Amino acid sequence: MVGIIDVGGGTRGIYGAGVFDRCLTEGIRFDYVIGVSAGSANGAAFLAGQKGRNYRFYTDYTLRKEGMGVTNFRKTGSFIGLDYIYSELSDSTGEDPLDYAAMMAADAAFEIVATDARTGKPVYFRKEDMAQDRYDVIKASCSVPLVNRPYVIDGVPYYDGGVSDPVPVERAFTRGCDRVVLILTRPVGQDKTHSRNALAAKALQKRYPEAAAATAACGSVYAQSVQKALRLQQEGKVLIVAPDDIGKLGTLTKDEKVLSQLYIKGFHDARTIKSFVSG
C-alpha cells in the first residue's frame, strides 16, 4: 500500500500542487492520501483529477482581497477567507467547483488532519466526513492560529492540522502504508519558525491552553518527524520530495511570480515519484 502526505504550509502549498499535477500527468495513483492544512485542499483536487485547479487557487483566488488580506481580518477576525475559498469558489455553483463526485469515487482513502483546539490533539477526518458543497473539514485543517479564528464544526473549534501533527508519517504507516511519498514545502533541514509559534501560543494560552502548548511544541515535533522520515528514506520506505530553496517565501506570500516558480519546482521535483511508486 503506497501513500502520499502533503504537509501544506499556506501559499507554499503551491509546491505540493505542482507535485500532484505531475502525478496526474503521469497517471500515478496512491492507495492513501493524507493532507495537512493547504495540503488537504491539494489532495482533494488530486483525487478529483482536476489538474491545474490548485494552481489557479494559489495564483489567483487566494490573492484576491476576499481570499486573503487585512480586509478579511477586520471583518471576520480571520486573515484567510476560508468560506470564500472552500465554499463560494469551490461549491457546485461556484467559480471553480471541486469535482466532489470524482473525489469520492477515487479508490484511495483520504484523510484530512485538523487540531481540536480544546485538547491540542490531532483529529483525522476522512473524505466521508465531507458532503457536496460542505468542505468544512478542509477549512478546519487550514485554520492557522493567530492568522484565523478556530473553525467550528458541530460545536467543536479546530485549528490547522500542522499544530498537532505537522508531518503525519506515523499516521500513514499506522493506516497500512508500507511506502510513503512525503511532500515538504520547505527545504529538508529548515525548521518551522519557533518565534512565530511562541507568539501564536501566547495568543491562544488563555482560551485554548492545550492548543497553545501544541503550537509551542509543533516546531520540535516537525523537526523530529522529518528526521524520522529521513531514516525511513534510507530504508527505502519513504521518498521525500522537497524544494532545495524557497528564498524568503513565507506562509502568506502573495507574489504570483514567486509562487509560480515554486509550482514549477514542485512539478519538476516530482519526477522521482513514478519509479518509487512502481518499484
Protein backbone atom coordinates (compact mmCIF):
# COMPACT_ATOMS: atom_id res chain seq x y z
CA MET A 1 0.00 0.00 0.00
CA VAL A 2 1.52 3.29 -1.15
CA GLY A 3 0.57 6.60 0.42
CA ILE A 4 1.31 10.27 -0.08
CA ILE A 5 1.48 13.04 2.51
CA ASP A 6 1.22 16.76 1.76
CA VAL A 7 2.14 18.87 4.79
CA GLY A 8 0.81 22.13 3.31
CA GLY A 9 2.18 25.45 4.52
CA GLY A 10 -0.11 28.29 3.43
CA THR A 11 0.69 29.57 -0.04
CA ARG A 12 3.89 27.50 -0.01
CA GLY A 13 1.45 24.67 -0.65
CA ILE A 14 1.68 25.54 -4.34
CA TYR A 15 4.80 23.34 -4.35
CA GLY A 16 2.60 20.37 -3.45
CA ALA A 17 0.14 21.42 -6.14
CA GLY A 18 2.96 21.08 -8.66
CA VAL A 19 3.87 17.65 -7.29
CA PHE A 20 0.29 16.40 -7.53
CA ASP A 21 -0.16 17.79 -11.04
CA ARG A 22 2.94 15.85 -12.13
CA CYS A 23 1.35 12.73 -10.65
CA LEU A 24 -1.86 13.39 -12.60
CA THR A 25 0.13 13.97 -15.77
CA GLU A 26 1.95 10.65 -15.37
CA GLY A 27 -1.10 8.70 -14.23
CA ILE A 28 0.36 7.98 -10.77
CA ARG A 29 -2.17 6.80 -8.21
CA PHE A 30 -1.95 6.19 -4.48
CA ASP A 31 -3.83 3.94 -2.07
CA TYR A 32 -3.84 6.55 0.69
CA VAL A 33 -3.67 10.35 0.70
CA ILE A 34 -3.32 12.49 3.81
CA GLY A 35 -3.25 16.28 3.79
CA VAL A 36 -2.38 18.87 6.40
CA SER A 37 -3.66 22.44 6.06
CA ALA A 38 -3.38 23.54 2.40
CA GLY A 39 -2.17 20.01 1.67
CA SER A 40 -5.70 18.76 2.27
CA ALA A 41 -7.03 21.02 -0.50
CA ASN A 42 -4.26 19.80 -2.80
CA GLY A 43 -5.20 16.21 -2.03
CA ALA A 44 -8.89 16.80 -2.72
CA ALA A 45 -8.26 18.21 -6.20
CA PHE A 46 -5.77 15.42 -6.93
CA LEU A 47 -8.30 12.73 -6.09
CA ALA A 48 -10.88 14.59 -8.16
CA GLY A 49 -8.46 14.51 -11.11
CA GLN A 50 -8.57 18.28 -11.52
CA LYS A 51 -5.11 19.12 -12.81
CA GLY A 52 -4.29 22.83 -12.58
CA ARG A 53 -7.12 23.64 -10.20
CA ASN A 54 -4.93 24.24 -7.18
CA TYR A 55 -2.54 26.35 -9.24
CA ARG A 56 -5.40 28.74 -10.00
CA PHE A 57 -6.29 28.99 -6.33
CA TYR A 58 -2.76 29.88 -5.25
CA THR A 59 -2.01 32.32 -8.06
CA ASP A 60 -5.42 33.97 -8.44
CA TYR A 61 -8.20 33.33 -5.96
CA THR A 62 -6.15 33.34 -2.76
CA LEU A 63 -4.53 36.61 -3.81
CA ARG A 64 -7.87 38.37 -4.08
CA LYS A 65 -8.92 40.53 -1.13
CA GLU A 66 -11.69 38.05 -0.35
CA GLY A 67 -9.18 35.20 -0.33
CA MET A 68 -6.54 36.62 1.95
CA GLY A 69 -5.94 40.04 3.44
CA VAL A 70 -6.38 42.66 6.12
CA THR A 71 -9.93 43.40 4.95
CA ASN A 72 -10.95 39.87 5.87
CA PHE A 73 -9.25 40.15 9.23
CA ARG A 74 -11.03 43.38 10.09
CA LYS A 75 -14.42 41.98 9.10
CA THR A 76 -14.18 38.46 10.48
CA GLY A 77 -11.09 38.17 12.67
CA SER A 78 -9.59 35.76 10.12
CA PHE A 79 -6.92 36.78 7.61
CA ILE A 80 -7.68 33.90 5.21
CA GLY A 81 -11.20 33.77 3.77
CA LEU A 82 -11.79 30.07 4.22
CA ASP A 83 -15.50 30.26 3.42
CA TYR A 84 -14.74 32.23 0.26
CA ILE A 85 -12.09 29.77 -0.91
CA TYR A 86 -13.68 26.47 0.07
CA SER A 87 -17.37 27.35 -0.27
CA GLU A 88 -18.09 30.32 -2.52
CA LEU A 89 -15.49 29.32 -5.10
CA SER A 90 -15.48 25.54 -4.60
CA ASP A 91 -19.18 24.73 -4.32
CA SER A 92 -21.03 23.19 -7.26
CA THR A 93 -22.33 26.63 -8.27
CA GLY A 94 -19.01 28.37 -7.61
CA GLU A 95 -16.43 29.86 -9.94
CA ASP A 96 -14.16 26.80 -9.79
CA PRO A 97 -16.09 23.84 -8.33
CA LEU A 98 -14.40 20.87 -6.73
CA ASP A 99 -15.50 17.70 -8.55
CA TYR A 100 -16.93 16.13 -5.42
CA ALA A 101 -18.31 13.06 -7.19
CA ALA A 102 -14.93 12.25 -8.73
CA MET A 103 -13.13 12.76 -5.41
CA MET A 104 -15.50 10.37 -3.65
CA ALA A 105 -15.26 7.81 -6.48
CA ALA A 106 -11.47 7.67 -6.21
CA ASP A 107 -10.25 4.36 -4.78
CA ALA A 108 -7.77 5.97 -2.40
CA ALA A 109 -8.53 6.57 1.25
CA PHE A 110 -8.28 10.28 2.05
CA GLU A 111 -7.64 11.81 5.45
CA ILE A 112 -7.53 15.45 6.50
CA VAL A 113 -5.65 16.47 9.65
CA ALA A 114 -7.06 19.14 11.96
CA THR A 115 -6.35 20.04 15.58
CA ASP A 116 -9.02 20.04 18.27
CA ALA A 117 -8.49 23.44 19.90
CA ARG A 118 -9.79 22.15 23.24
CA THR A 119 -7.35 19.26 23.55
CA GLY A 120 -4.48 20.21 21.24
CA LYS A 121 -4.70 16.71 19.75
CA PRO A 122 -4.95 15.77 16.07
CA VAL A 123 -8.23 14.71 14.54
CA TYR A 124 -8.13 12.71 11.32
CA PHE A 125 -11.20 13.41 9.23
CA ARG A 126 -12.00 11.21 6.25
CA LYS A 127 -13.37 12.18 2.88
CA GLU A 128 -16.63 10.60 4.03
CA ASP A 129 -16.88 13.45 6.54
CA MET A 130 -17.43 15.81 3.63
CA ALA A 131 -20.55 16.24 1.53
CA GLN A 132 -21.34 18.02 -1.70
CA ASP A 133 -20.73 21.73 -1.06
CA ARG A 134 -19.70 21.08 2.53
CA TYR A 135 -15.93 21.15 2.87
CA ASP A 136 -15.74 22.25 6.49
CA VAL A 137 -13.05 19.72 7.41
CA ILE A 138 -10.67 21.30 4.89
CA LYS A 139 -11.42 24.73 6.34
CA ALA A 140 -10.68 23.40 9.82
CA SER A 141 -7.38 21.92 8.66
CA CYS A 142 -6.39 25.30 7.17
CA SER A 143 -7.30 27.48 10.15
CA VAL A 144 -3.87 28.81 11.15
CA PRO A 145 -3.61 30.07 14.76
CA LEU A 146 -3.16 33.83 15.09
CA VAL A 147 -4.00 34.22 11.39
CA ASN A 148 -7.50 32.76 11.69
CA ARG A 149 -10.11 32.13 14.31
CA PRO A 150 -10.66 28.43 15.01
CA TYR A 151 -13.10 26.86 12.57
CA VAL A 152 -16.11 25.37 14.35
CA ILE A 153 -17.72 22.09 13.25
CA ASP A 154 -20.65 20.72 15.26
CA GLY A 155 -19.72 22.96 18.16
CA VAL A 156 -16.05 21.89 18.23
CA PRO A 157 -13.36 24.51 17.44
CA TYR A 158 -10.50 23.35 15.24
CA TYR A 159 -7.14 24.76 14.23
CA ASP A 160 -4.68 23.87 11.49
CA GLY A 161 -3.61 20.24 11.46
CA GLY A 162 0.02 21.36 11.44
CA VAL A 163 -0.33 22.38 15.07
CA SER A 164 -0.65 18.82 16.34
CA ASP A 165 0.65 16.53 13.55
CA PRO A 166 2.64 18.63 11.07
CA VAL A 167 4.25 15.65 9.30
CA PRO A 168 1.91 12.65 9.72
CA VAL A 169 4.37 9.94 8.69
CA GLU A 170 3.47 7.68 11.61
CA ARG A 171 -0.22 8.05 10.79
CA ALA A 172 0.36 6.88 7.22
CA PHE A 173 2.16 3.73 8.32
CA THR A 174 -0.42 3.10 11.03
CA ARG A 175 -3.08 3.19 8.35
CA GLY A 176 -1.35 0.36 6.50
CA CYS A 177 1.12 2.01 4.14
CA ASP A 178 4.42 0.25 3.52
CA ARG A 179 5.82 3.03 1.31
CA VAL A 180 5.09 6.75 1.52
CA VAL A 181 5.84 9.83 -0.56
CA LEU A 182 6.28 12.84 1.71
CA ILE A 183 5.82 16.33 0.26
CA LEU A 184 7.51 19.06 2.28
CA THR A 185 7.15 22.72 1.32
CA ARG A 186 10.38 23.94 2.86
CA PRO A 187 13.88 22.52 2.36
CA VAL A 188 14.85 19.49 4.42
CA GLY A 189 16.63 20.82 7.49
CA GLN A 190 14.77 24.13 7.50
CA ASP A 191 12.57 24.00 10.58
CA LYS A 192 9.42 25.88 11.48
CA THR A 193 9.86 29.35 12.94
CA HIS A 194 9.87 28.99 16.72
CA SER A 195 9.35 32.72 17.36
CA ARG A 196 6.11 32.75 15.36
CA ASN A 197 4.94 29.60 17.14
CA ALA A 198 5.67 31.21 20.50
CA LEU A 199 3.68 34.30 19.57
CA ALA A 200 0.70 32.21 18.44
CA ALA A 201 0.91 30.07 21.57
CA LYS A 202 0.81 33.16 23.77
CA ALA A 203 -2.31 34.39 21.95
CA LEU A 204 -4.07 31.04 22.50
CA GLN A 205 -2.96 30.47 26.09
CA LYS A 206 -5.97 31.89 27.90
CA ARG A 207 -8.79 30.35 25.88
CA TYR A 208 -7.17 27.20 24.48
CA PRO A 209 -4.22 26.27 26.71
CA GLU A 210 -3.83 22.77 25.25
CA ALA A 211 -3.75 24.13 21.70
CA ALA A 212 -1.26 26.75 22.91
CA ALA A 213 1.05 24.02 24.24
CA ALA A 214 0.78 22.09 20.97
CA THR A 215 1.53 25.26 18.99
CA ALA A 216 4.61 25.98 21.09
CA ALA A 217 5.87 22.43 20.51
CA CYS A 218 4.96 22.00 16.85
CA GLY A 219 8.35 23.20 15.57
CA SER A 220 10.11 20.49 17.54
CA VAL A 221 7.54 17.89 16.50
CA TYR A 222 8.03 18.89 12.86
CA ALA A 223 11.81 18.52 13.11
CA GLN A 224 11.56 15.13 14.85
CA SER A 225 9.09 13.84 12.25
CA VAL A 226 11.32 14.92 9.37
CA GLN A 227 14.28 13.17 10.99
CA LYS A 228 12.23 10.00 11.25
CA ALA A 229 11.24 10.34 7.59
CA LEU A 230 14.91 10.69 6.65
CA ARG A 231 15.71 7.43 8.44
CA LEU A 232 12.83 5.69 6.70
CA GLN A 233 14.02 7.08 3.38
CA GLN A 234 17.34 5.33 3.91
CA GLU A 235 15.37 2.10 4.32
CA GLY A 236 13.50 2.70 1.07
CA LYS A 237 10.17 3.19 2.81
CA VAL A 238 9.83 6.94 2.29
CA LEU A 239 10.55 9.28 -0.60
CA ILE A 240 10.90 12.91 0.48
CA VAL A 241 10.03 15.47 -2.19
CA ALA A 242 11.07 18.94 -1.02
CA PRO A 243 12.30 22.18 -2.57
CA ASP A 244 16.03 22.83 -2.35
CA ASP A 245 15.36 26.52 -1.76
CA ILE A 246 12.33 28.77 -1.19
CA GLY A 247 14.15 32.05 -0.70
CA LYS A 248 12.11 34.34 1.54
CA LEU A 249 8.80 32.80 0.55
CA GLY A 250 6.61 32.51 3.64
CA THR A 251 3.28 31.03 4.67
CA LEU A 252 1.27 34.01 3.40
CA THR A 253 3.34 35.13 0.40
CA LYS A 254 1.22 36.81 -2.30
CA ASP A 255 3.83 37.20 -5.05
CA GLU A 256 2.36 35.46 -8.09
CA LYS A 257 5.70 35.16 -9.90
CA VAL A 258 7.45 33.59 -6.91
CA LEU A 259 4.54 31.24 -6.33
CA SER A 260 4.52 30.14 -9.98
CA GLN A 261 8.22 29.36 -9.77
CA LEU A 262 7.64 27.18 -6.73
CA TYR A 263 4.86 25.32 -8.55
CA ILE A 264 7.23 24.60 -11.44
CA LYS A 265 9.85 23.41 -8.96
CA GLY A 266 7.31 21.00 -7.42
CA PHE A 267 6.31 19.68 -10.84
CA HIS A 268 10.00 19.11 -11.68
CA ASP A 269 10.96 17.55 -8.35
CA ALA A 270 8.11 15.04 -8.61
CA ARG A 271 9.96 13.25 -11.44
CA THR A 272 11.31 10.73 -8.93
CA ILE A 273 7.90 9.57 -7.72
CA LYS A 274 6.93 7.26 -10.59
CA SER A 275 9.88 4.92 -10.12
CA PHE A 276 9.43 4.91 -6.33
CA VAL A 277 5.75 4.00 -6.61
CA SER A 278 6.24 1.36 -9.32
CA GLY A 279 9.29 -0.12 -7.58
